[in-house]
Amino acid sequence: MYRVTVPASALAGDGEVRLRPRYTGDAARAHIGGRLVADHFWYRPEWEIGLRRFADAAARHGVEIRVLPLDPASRVHVDASAREGLDAARNRAAVETAELAGVPRASLRGAGDERA
């Protein structure tokens, strides 16, 4: 299990804050305060977890990432371009990195929209 501390200051403002964990393994699950909030399988796209809706709990408890290894007996067939990742998932279950990224909020208006 890997714990990510989320500073309250990172969640200040009204924009989204995304946690971007990178891991080696078959699948991963994110928990906040003991509650499953997201899961992901190893092969693309990159995993992003929006934290805004969990802001209070994320600042209080952090985010726990649990990585599951691929069962060595499983028969999974993937394209040759993905083989390296599959082989690594059989041998490791670990979080490599995790970063927080702010996404500013933007307001869009259509042509002719007179609202201020």
N, C-alpha and C. Protein backbone atom coordinates (compact mmCIF):
# COMPACT_ATOMS: atom_id res chain seq x y z
N MET A 1 0.84 -1.17 0.00
CA MET A 1 0.00 0.00 0.00
C MET A 1 0.89 1.24 0.00
N TYR A 2 0.48 2.23 -0.75
CA TYR A 2 1.23 3.47 -0.90
C TYR A 2 0.30 4.60 -0.47
N ARG A 3 0.76 5.46 0.41
CA ARG A 3 -0.08 6.56 0.89
C ARG A 3 0.41 7.88 0.31
N VAL A 4 -0.53 8.64 -0.24
CA VAL A 4 -0.25 9.97 -0.77
C VAL A 4 -0.87 10.98 0.18
N THR A 5 -0.04 11.86 0.72
CA THR A 5 -0.53 12.95 1.56
C THR A 5 -1.00 14.07 0.66
N VAL A 6 -2.20 14.56 0.91
CA VAL A 6 -2.76 15.65 0.10
C VAL A 6 -2.86 16.88 0.99
N PRO A 7 -1.98 17.87 0.78
CA PRO A 7 -2.04 19.08 1.61
C PRO A 7 -3.34 19.86 1.34
N ALA A 8 -3.94 20.37 2.39
CA ALA A 8 -5.17 21.16 2.23
C ALA A 8 -4.94 22.33 1.28
N SER A 9 -3.73 22.90 1.28
CA SER A 9 -3.43 24.03 0.40
C SER A 9 -3.53 23.64 -1.07
N ALA A 10 -3.29 22.38 -1.39
CA ALA A 10 -3.39 21.92 -2.79
C ALA A 10 -4.84 21.91 -3.26
N LEU A 11 -5.77 21.86 -2.31
CA LEU A 11 -7.19 21.80 -2.64
C LEU A 11 -7.88 23.15 -2.50
N ALA A 12 -7.11 24.20 -2.20
CA ALA A 12 -7.69 25.54 -2.08
C ALA A 12 -8.14 26.01 -3.46
N GLY A 13 -9.14 26.85 -3.50
CA GLY A 13 -9.65 27.34 -4.78
C GLY A 13 -10.77 26.45 -5.28
N ASP A 14 -11.25 26.75 -6.48
CA ASP A 14 -12.40 26.00 -6.99
C ASP A 14 -12.08 25.12 -8.19
N GLY A 15 -10.83 25.09 -8.63
CA GLY A 15 -10.46 24.22 -9.75
C GLY A 15 -10.32 22.78 -9.30
N GLU A 16 -10.25 21.88 -10.25
CA GLU A 16 -10.06 20.45 -9.96
C GLU A 16 -8.61 20.19 -9.60
N VAL A 17 -8.39 19.22 -8.77
CA VAL A 17 -7.05 18.74 -8.43
C VAL A 17 -7.03 17.26 -8.77
N ARG A 18 -6.09 16.86 -9.59
CA ARG A 18 -6.01 15.46 -10.01
C ARG A 18 -4.76 14.81 -9.45
N LEU A 19 -4.95 13.61 -8.94
CA LEU A 19 -3.84 12.78 -8.53
C LEU A 19 -3.51 11.87 -9.71
N ARG A 20 -2.24 11.84 -10.08
CA ARG A 20 -1.80 11.04 -11.23
C ARG A 20 -0.78 10.00 -10.76
N PRO A 21 -1.27 8.84 -10.31
CA PRO A 21 -0.33 7.79 -9.91
C PRO A 21 0.13 6.97 -11.11
N ARG A 22 1.39 6.59 -11.11
CA ARG A 22 1.94 5.65 -12.10
C ARG A 22 2.40 4.43 -11.32
N TYR A 23 2.04 3.28 -11.81
CA TYR A 23 2.34 2.07 -11.06
C TYR A 23 2.69 0.92 -12.00
N THR A 24 3.27 -0.11 -11.42
CA THR A 24 3.52 -1.36 -12.11
C THR A 24 2.69 -2.41 -11.39
N GLY A 25 1.89 -3.14 -12.12
CA GLY A 25 1.02 -4.17 -11.56
C GLY A 25 -0.14 -4.38 -12.51
N ASP A 26 -1.04 -5.28 -12.15
CA ASP A 26 -2.18 -5.58 -13.00
C ASP A 26 -3.26 -4.52 -12.89
N ALA A 27 -3.57 -4.13 -11.66
CA ALA A 27 -4.63 -3.16 -11.42
C ALA A 27 -4.29 -2.41 -10.13
N ALA A 28 -4.94 -1.28 -9.95
CA ALA A 28 -4.73 -0.51 -8.73
C ALA A 28 -6.07 0.06 -8.27
N ARG A 29 -6.15 0.27 -6.97
CA ARG A 29 -7.36 0.83 -6.37
C ARG A 29 -6.97 1.98 -5.46
N ALA A 30 -7.78 3.04 -5.50
CA ALA A 30 -7.55 4.20 -4.64
C ALA A 30 -8.64 4.26 -3.58
N HIS A 31 -8.21 4.44 -2.34
CA HIS A 31 -9.13 4.54 -1.20
C HIS A 31 -8.87 5.85 -0.47
N ILE A 32 -9.94 6.48 -0.02
CA ILE A 32 -9.85 7.67 0.83
C ILE A 32 -10.70 7.40 2.05
N GLY A 33 -10.08 7.43 3.21
CA GLY A 33 -10.81 7.17 4.45
C GLY A 33 -11.47 5.79 4.46
N GLY A 34 -10.82 4.81 3.84
CA GLY A 34 -11.35 3.45 3.80
C GLY A 34 -12.37 3.20 2.71
N ARG A 35 -12.71 4.21 1.92
CA ARG A 35 -13.73 4.09 0.87
C ARG A 35 -13.05 4.01 -0.50
N LEU A 36 -13.45 3.02 -1.30
CA LEU A 36 -12.94 2.90 -2.66
C LEU A 36 -13.48 4.07 -3.49
N VAL A 37 -12.57 4.86 -4.10
CA VAL A 37 -13.01 6.01 -4.89
C VAL A 37 -12.65 5.90 -6.36
N ALA A 38 -11.72 4.99 -6.71
CA ALA A 38 -11.33 4.84 -8.12
C ALA A 38 -10.54 3.54 -8.27
N ASP A 39 -10.60 3.00 -9.48
CA ASP A 39 -9.75 1.85 -9.80
C ASP A 39 -9.27 1.97 -11.23
N HIS A 40 -8.28 1.16 -11.59
CA HIS A 40 -7.63 1.31 -12.88
C HIS A 40 -6.93 0.02 -13.26
N PHE A 41 -6.90 -0.29 -14.55
CA PHE A 41 -6.13 -1.42 -15.04
C PHE A 41 -4.87 -0.91 -15.72
N TRP A 42 -3.84 -1.68 -15.70
CA TRP A 42 -2.48 -1.27 -16.04
C TRP A 42 -2.30 -0.70 -17.44
N TYR A 43 -3.11 -1.07 -18.40
CA TYR A 43 -2.79 -0.67 -19.77
C TYR A 43 -3.60 0.53 -20.21
N ARG A 44 -3.06 1.68 -20.07
CA ARG A 44 -3.54 2.95 -20.59
C ARG A 44 -5.02 3.18 -20.35
N PRO A 45 -5.57 4.32 -20.51
CA PRO A 45 -4.84 5.59 -20.52
C PRO A 45 -4.24 5.86 -19.14
N GLU A 46 -3.47 6.92 -19.05
CA GLU A 46 -2.88 7.27 -17.76
C GLU A 46 -4.01 7.46 -16.74
N TRP A 47 -3.74 7.11 -15.52
CA TRP A 47 -4.74 7.17 -14.47
C TRP A 47 -4.75 8.56 -13.85
N GLU A 48 -5.92 9.17 -13.80
CA GLU A 48 -6.11 10.46 -13.13
C GLU A 48 -7.32 10.33 -12.21
N ILE A 49 -7.15 10.78 -10.98
CA ILE A 49 -8.22 10.71 -10.00
C ILE A 49 -8.57 12.14 -9.59
N GLY A 50 -9.78 12.57 -9.90
CA GLY A 50 -10.24 13.90 -9.49
C GLY A 50 -10.51 13.92 -7.99
N LEU A 51 -9.89 14.84 -7.29
CA LEU A 51 -10.00 14.89 -5.83
C LEU A 51 -10.97 15.95 -5.30
N ARG A 52 -11.44 16.85 -6.15
CA ARG A 52 -12.29 17.96 -5.67
C ARG A 52 -13.48 17.43 -4.86
N ARG A 53 -14.16 16.42 -5.35
CA ARG A 53 -15.37 15.93 -4.67
C ARG A 53 -15.05 15.23 -3.34
N PHE A 54 -13.78 14.87 -3.14
CA PHE A 54 -13.35 14.22 -1.90
C PHE A 54 -12.43 15.14 -1.09
N ALA A 55 -12.46 16.44 -1.35
CA ALA A 55 -11.46 17.36 -0.82
C ALA A 55 -11.25 17.24 0.69
N ASP A 56 -12.32 17.31 1.47
CA ASP A 56 -12.16 17.27 2.93
C ASP A 56 -11.55 15.95 3.38
N ALA A 57 -12.07 14.84 2.88
CA ALA A 57 -11.57 13.52 3.28
C ALA A 57 -10.15 13.30 2.77
N ALA A 58 -9.84 13.78 1.56
CA ALA A 58 -8.50 13.60 1.00
C ALA A 58 -7.47 14.36 1.82
N ALA A 59 -7.81 15.58 2.25
CA ALA A 59 -6.88 16.36 3.08
C ALA A 59 -6.72 15.72 4.46
N ARG A 60 -7.78 15.15 4.98
CA ARG A 60 -7.75 14.56 6.32
C ARG A 60 -7.05 13.19 6.33
N HIS A 61 -7.35 12.35 5.35
CA HIS A 61 -6.86 10.96 5.36
C HIS A 61 -5.76 10.67 4.34
N GLY A 62 -5.62 11.52 3.33
CA GLY A 62 -4.73 11.19 2.22
C GLY A 62 -5.39 10.17 1.31
N VAL A 63 -4.64 9.68 0.35
CA VAL A 63 -5.15 8.68 -0.59
C VAL A 63 -4.27 7.44 -0.48
N GLU A 64 -4.89 6.30 -0.31
CA GLU A 64 -4.16 5.03 -0.28
C GLU A 64 -4.29 4.37 -1.65
N ILE A 65 -3.15 4.00 -2.22
CA ILE A 65 -3.14 3.30 -3.50
C ILE A 65 -2.70 1.86 -3.22
N ARG A 66 -3.51 0.92 -3.62
CA ARG A 66 -3.20 -0.50 -3.47
C ARG A 66 -3.05 -1.10 -4.86
N VAL A 67 -1.89 -1.66 -5.12
CA VAL A 67 -1.59 -2.24 -6.43
C VAL A 67 -1.67 -3.76 -6.33
N LEU A 68 -2.34 -4.35 -7.29
CA LEU A 68 -2.51 -5.80 -7.34
C LEU A 68 -1.62 -6.38 -8.43
N PRO A 69 -0.87 -7.43 -8.13
CA PRO A 69 -0.03 -8.05 -9.16
C PRO A 69 -0.89 -8.89 -10.10
N LEU A 70 -0.38 -9.11 -11.28
CA LEU A 70 -1.03 -10.01 -12.23
C LEU A 70 -0.77 -11.44 -11.79
N ASP A 71 -1.79 -12.25 -11.75
CA ASP A 71 -1.63 -13.66 -11.39
C ASP A 71 -0.72 -14.32 -12.42
N PRO A 72 0.40 -14.90 -11.99
CA PRO A 72 1.33 -15.51 -12.94
C PRO A 72 0.70 -16.62 -13.78
N ALA A 73 -0.36 -17.23 -13.28
CA ALA A 73 -1.01 -18.32 -14.02
C ALA A 73 -2.04 -17.81 -15.03
N SER A 74 -2.35 -16.52 -14.99
CA SER A 74 -3.37 -16.00 -15.91
C SER A 74 -2.84 -15.98 -17.34
N ARG A 75 -3.73 -16.23 -18.25
CA ARG A 75 -3.38 -16.23 -19.67
C ARG A 75 -3.98 -14.97 -20.29
N VAL A 76 -3.15 -13.97 -20.42
CA VAL A 76 -3.57 -12.70 -20.99
C VAL A 76 -2.81 -12.50 -22.29
N HIS A 77 -3.53 -12.22 -23.35
CA HIS A 77 -2.91 -12.00 -24.65
C HIS A 77 -3.01 -10.52 -25.00
N VAL A 78 -1.87 -9.90 -25.25
CA VAL A 78 -1.84 -8.49 -25.61
C VAL A 78 -0.96 -8.30 -26.84
N ASP A 79 -1.12 -7.18 -27.48
CA ASP A 79 -0.28 -6.81 -28.61
C ASP A 79 1.18 -6.75 -28.16
N ALA A 80 2.08 -7.05 -29.06
CA ALA A 80 3.51 -7.05 -28.74
C ALA A 80 3.97 -5.71 -28.17
N SER A 81 3.35 -4.61 -28.58
CA SER A 81 3.76 -3.29 -28.08
C SER A 81 3.47 -3.13 -26.59
N ALA A 82 2.59 -3.95 -26.04
CA ALA A 82 2.25 -3.86 -24.62
C ALA A 82 2.88 -4.97 -23.80
N ARG A 83 3.61 -5.85 -24.44
CA ARG A 83 4.15 -7.03 -23.75
C ARG A 83 5.05 -6.67 -22.57
N GLU A 84 5.90 -5.66 -22.71
CA GLU A 84 6.82 -5.29 -21.63
C GLU A 84 6.06 -4.93 -20.36
N GLY A 85 5.00 -4.15 -20.50
CA GLY A 85 4.19 -3.77 -19.34
C GLY A 85 3.51 -4.97 -18.71
N LEU A 86 3.06 -5.89 -19.53
CA LEU A 86 2.41 -7.10 -19.00
C LEU A 86 3.41 -7.95 -18.24
N ASP A 87 4.60 -8.12 -18.79
CA ASP A 87 5.63 -8.91 -18.11
C ASP A 87 6.01 -8.27 -16.77
N ALA A 88 6.11 -6.94 -16.75
CA ALA A 88 6.44 -6.25 -15.50
C ALA A 88 5.33 -6.44 -14.47
N ALA A 89 4.07 -6.43 -14.93
CA ALA A 89 2.93 -6.59 -14.02
C ALA A 89 2.92 -7.96 -13.36
N ARG A 90 3.51 -8.95 -14.01
CA ARG A 90 3.59 -10.30 -13.43
C ARG A 90 4.59 -10.35 -12.28
N ASN A 91 5.59 -9.48 -12.32
CA ASN A 91 6.70 -9.55 -11.37
C ASN A 91 6.70 -8.48 -10.28
N ARG A 92 5.91 -7.42 -10.45
CA ARG A 92 5.93 -6.31 -9.49
C ARG A 92 4.53 -5.79 -9.24
N ALA A 93 4.36 -5.25 -8.07
CA ALA A 93 3.14 -4.52 -7.72
C ALA A 93 3.59 -3.34 -6.87
N ALA A 94 3.77 -2.18 -7.51
CA ALA A 94 4.32 -1.02 -6.80
C ALA A 94 3.87 0.28 -7.45
N VAL A 95 3.76 1.32 -6.64
CA VAL A 95 3.54 2.66 -7.16
C VAL A 95 4.91 3.24 -7.46
N GLU A 96 5.09 3.71 -8.68
CA GLU A 96 6.38 4.29 -9.10
C GLU A 96 6.44 5.77 -8.73
N THR A 97 5.40 6.52 -9.09
CA THR A 97 5.33 7.95 -8.77
C THR A 97 3.87 8.34 -8.56
N ALA A 98 3.68 9.48 -7.94
CA ALA A 98 2.35 10.07 -7.81
C ALA A 98 2.53 11.57 -7.75
N GLU A 99 1.72 12.28 -8.53
CA GLU A 99 1.82 13.74 -8.53
C GLU A 99 0.43 14.35 -8.46
N LEU A 100 0.36 15.53 -7.88
CA LEU A 100 -0.88 16.30 -7.86
C LEU A 100 -0.79 17.36 -8.94
N ALA A 101 -1.87 17.53 -9.69
CA ALA A 101 -1.89 18.52 -10.77
C ALA A 101 -3.18 19.32 -10.67
N GLY A 102 -3.03 20.64 -10.60
CA GLY A 102 -4.19 21.51 -10.57
C GLY A 102 -4.72 21.75 -11.97
N VAL A 103 -6.04 21.79 -12.09
CA VAL A 103 -6.69 22.08 -13.37
C VAL A 103 -7.59 23.28 -13.14
N PRO A 104 -7.22 24.45 -13.68
CA PRO A 104 -8.02 25.65 -13.43
C PRO A 104 -9.43 25.53 -14.01
N ARG A 105 -10.35 26.18 -13.35
CA ARG A 105 -11.72 26.21 -13.83
C ARG A 105 -11.85 27.31 -14.88
N ALA A 106 -12.56 27.01 -15.96
CA ALA A 106 -12.77 27.99 -17.02
C ALA A 106 -14.26 28.06 -17.33
N SER A 107 -14.74 29.24 -17.66
CA SER A 107 -16.13 29.43 -18.07
C SER A 107 -16.17 29.67 -19.56
N LEU A 108 -17.05 28.98 -20.23
CA LEU A 108 -17.19 29.13 -21.68
C LEU A 108 -18.57 29.69 -21.98
N ARG A 109 -18.62 30.55 -22.99
CA ARG A 109 -19.90 31.10 -23.43
C ARG A 109 -20.00 30.95 -24.93
N GLY A 110 -21.19 30.65 -25.37
CA GLY A 110 -21.43 30.53 -26.80
C GLY A 110 -21.57 31.89 -27.45
N ALA A 111 -21.45 31.93 -28.77
CA ALA A 111 -21.61 33.18 -29.52
C ALA A 111 -23.00 33.74 -29.25
N GLY A 112 -23.06 35.03 -28.98
CA GLY A 112 -24.33 35.69 -28.73
C GLY A 112 -24.82 35.58 -27.30
N ASP A 113 -24.07 34.92 -26.45
CA ASP A 113 -24.45 34.80 -25.04
C ASP A 113 -24.10 36.12 -24.36
N GLU A 114 -25.10 36.83 -23.90
CA GLU A 114 -24.92 38.17 -23.34
C GLU A 114 -24.69 38.16 -21.84
N ARG A 115 -24.71 36.99 -21.21
CA ARG A 115 -24.51 36.96 -19.76
C ARG A 115 -23.11 37.41 -19.41
N ALA A 116 -22.98 38.13 -18.32
CA ALA A 116 -21.67 38.61 -17.86
C ALA A 116 -20.97 37.58 -17.05
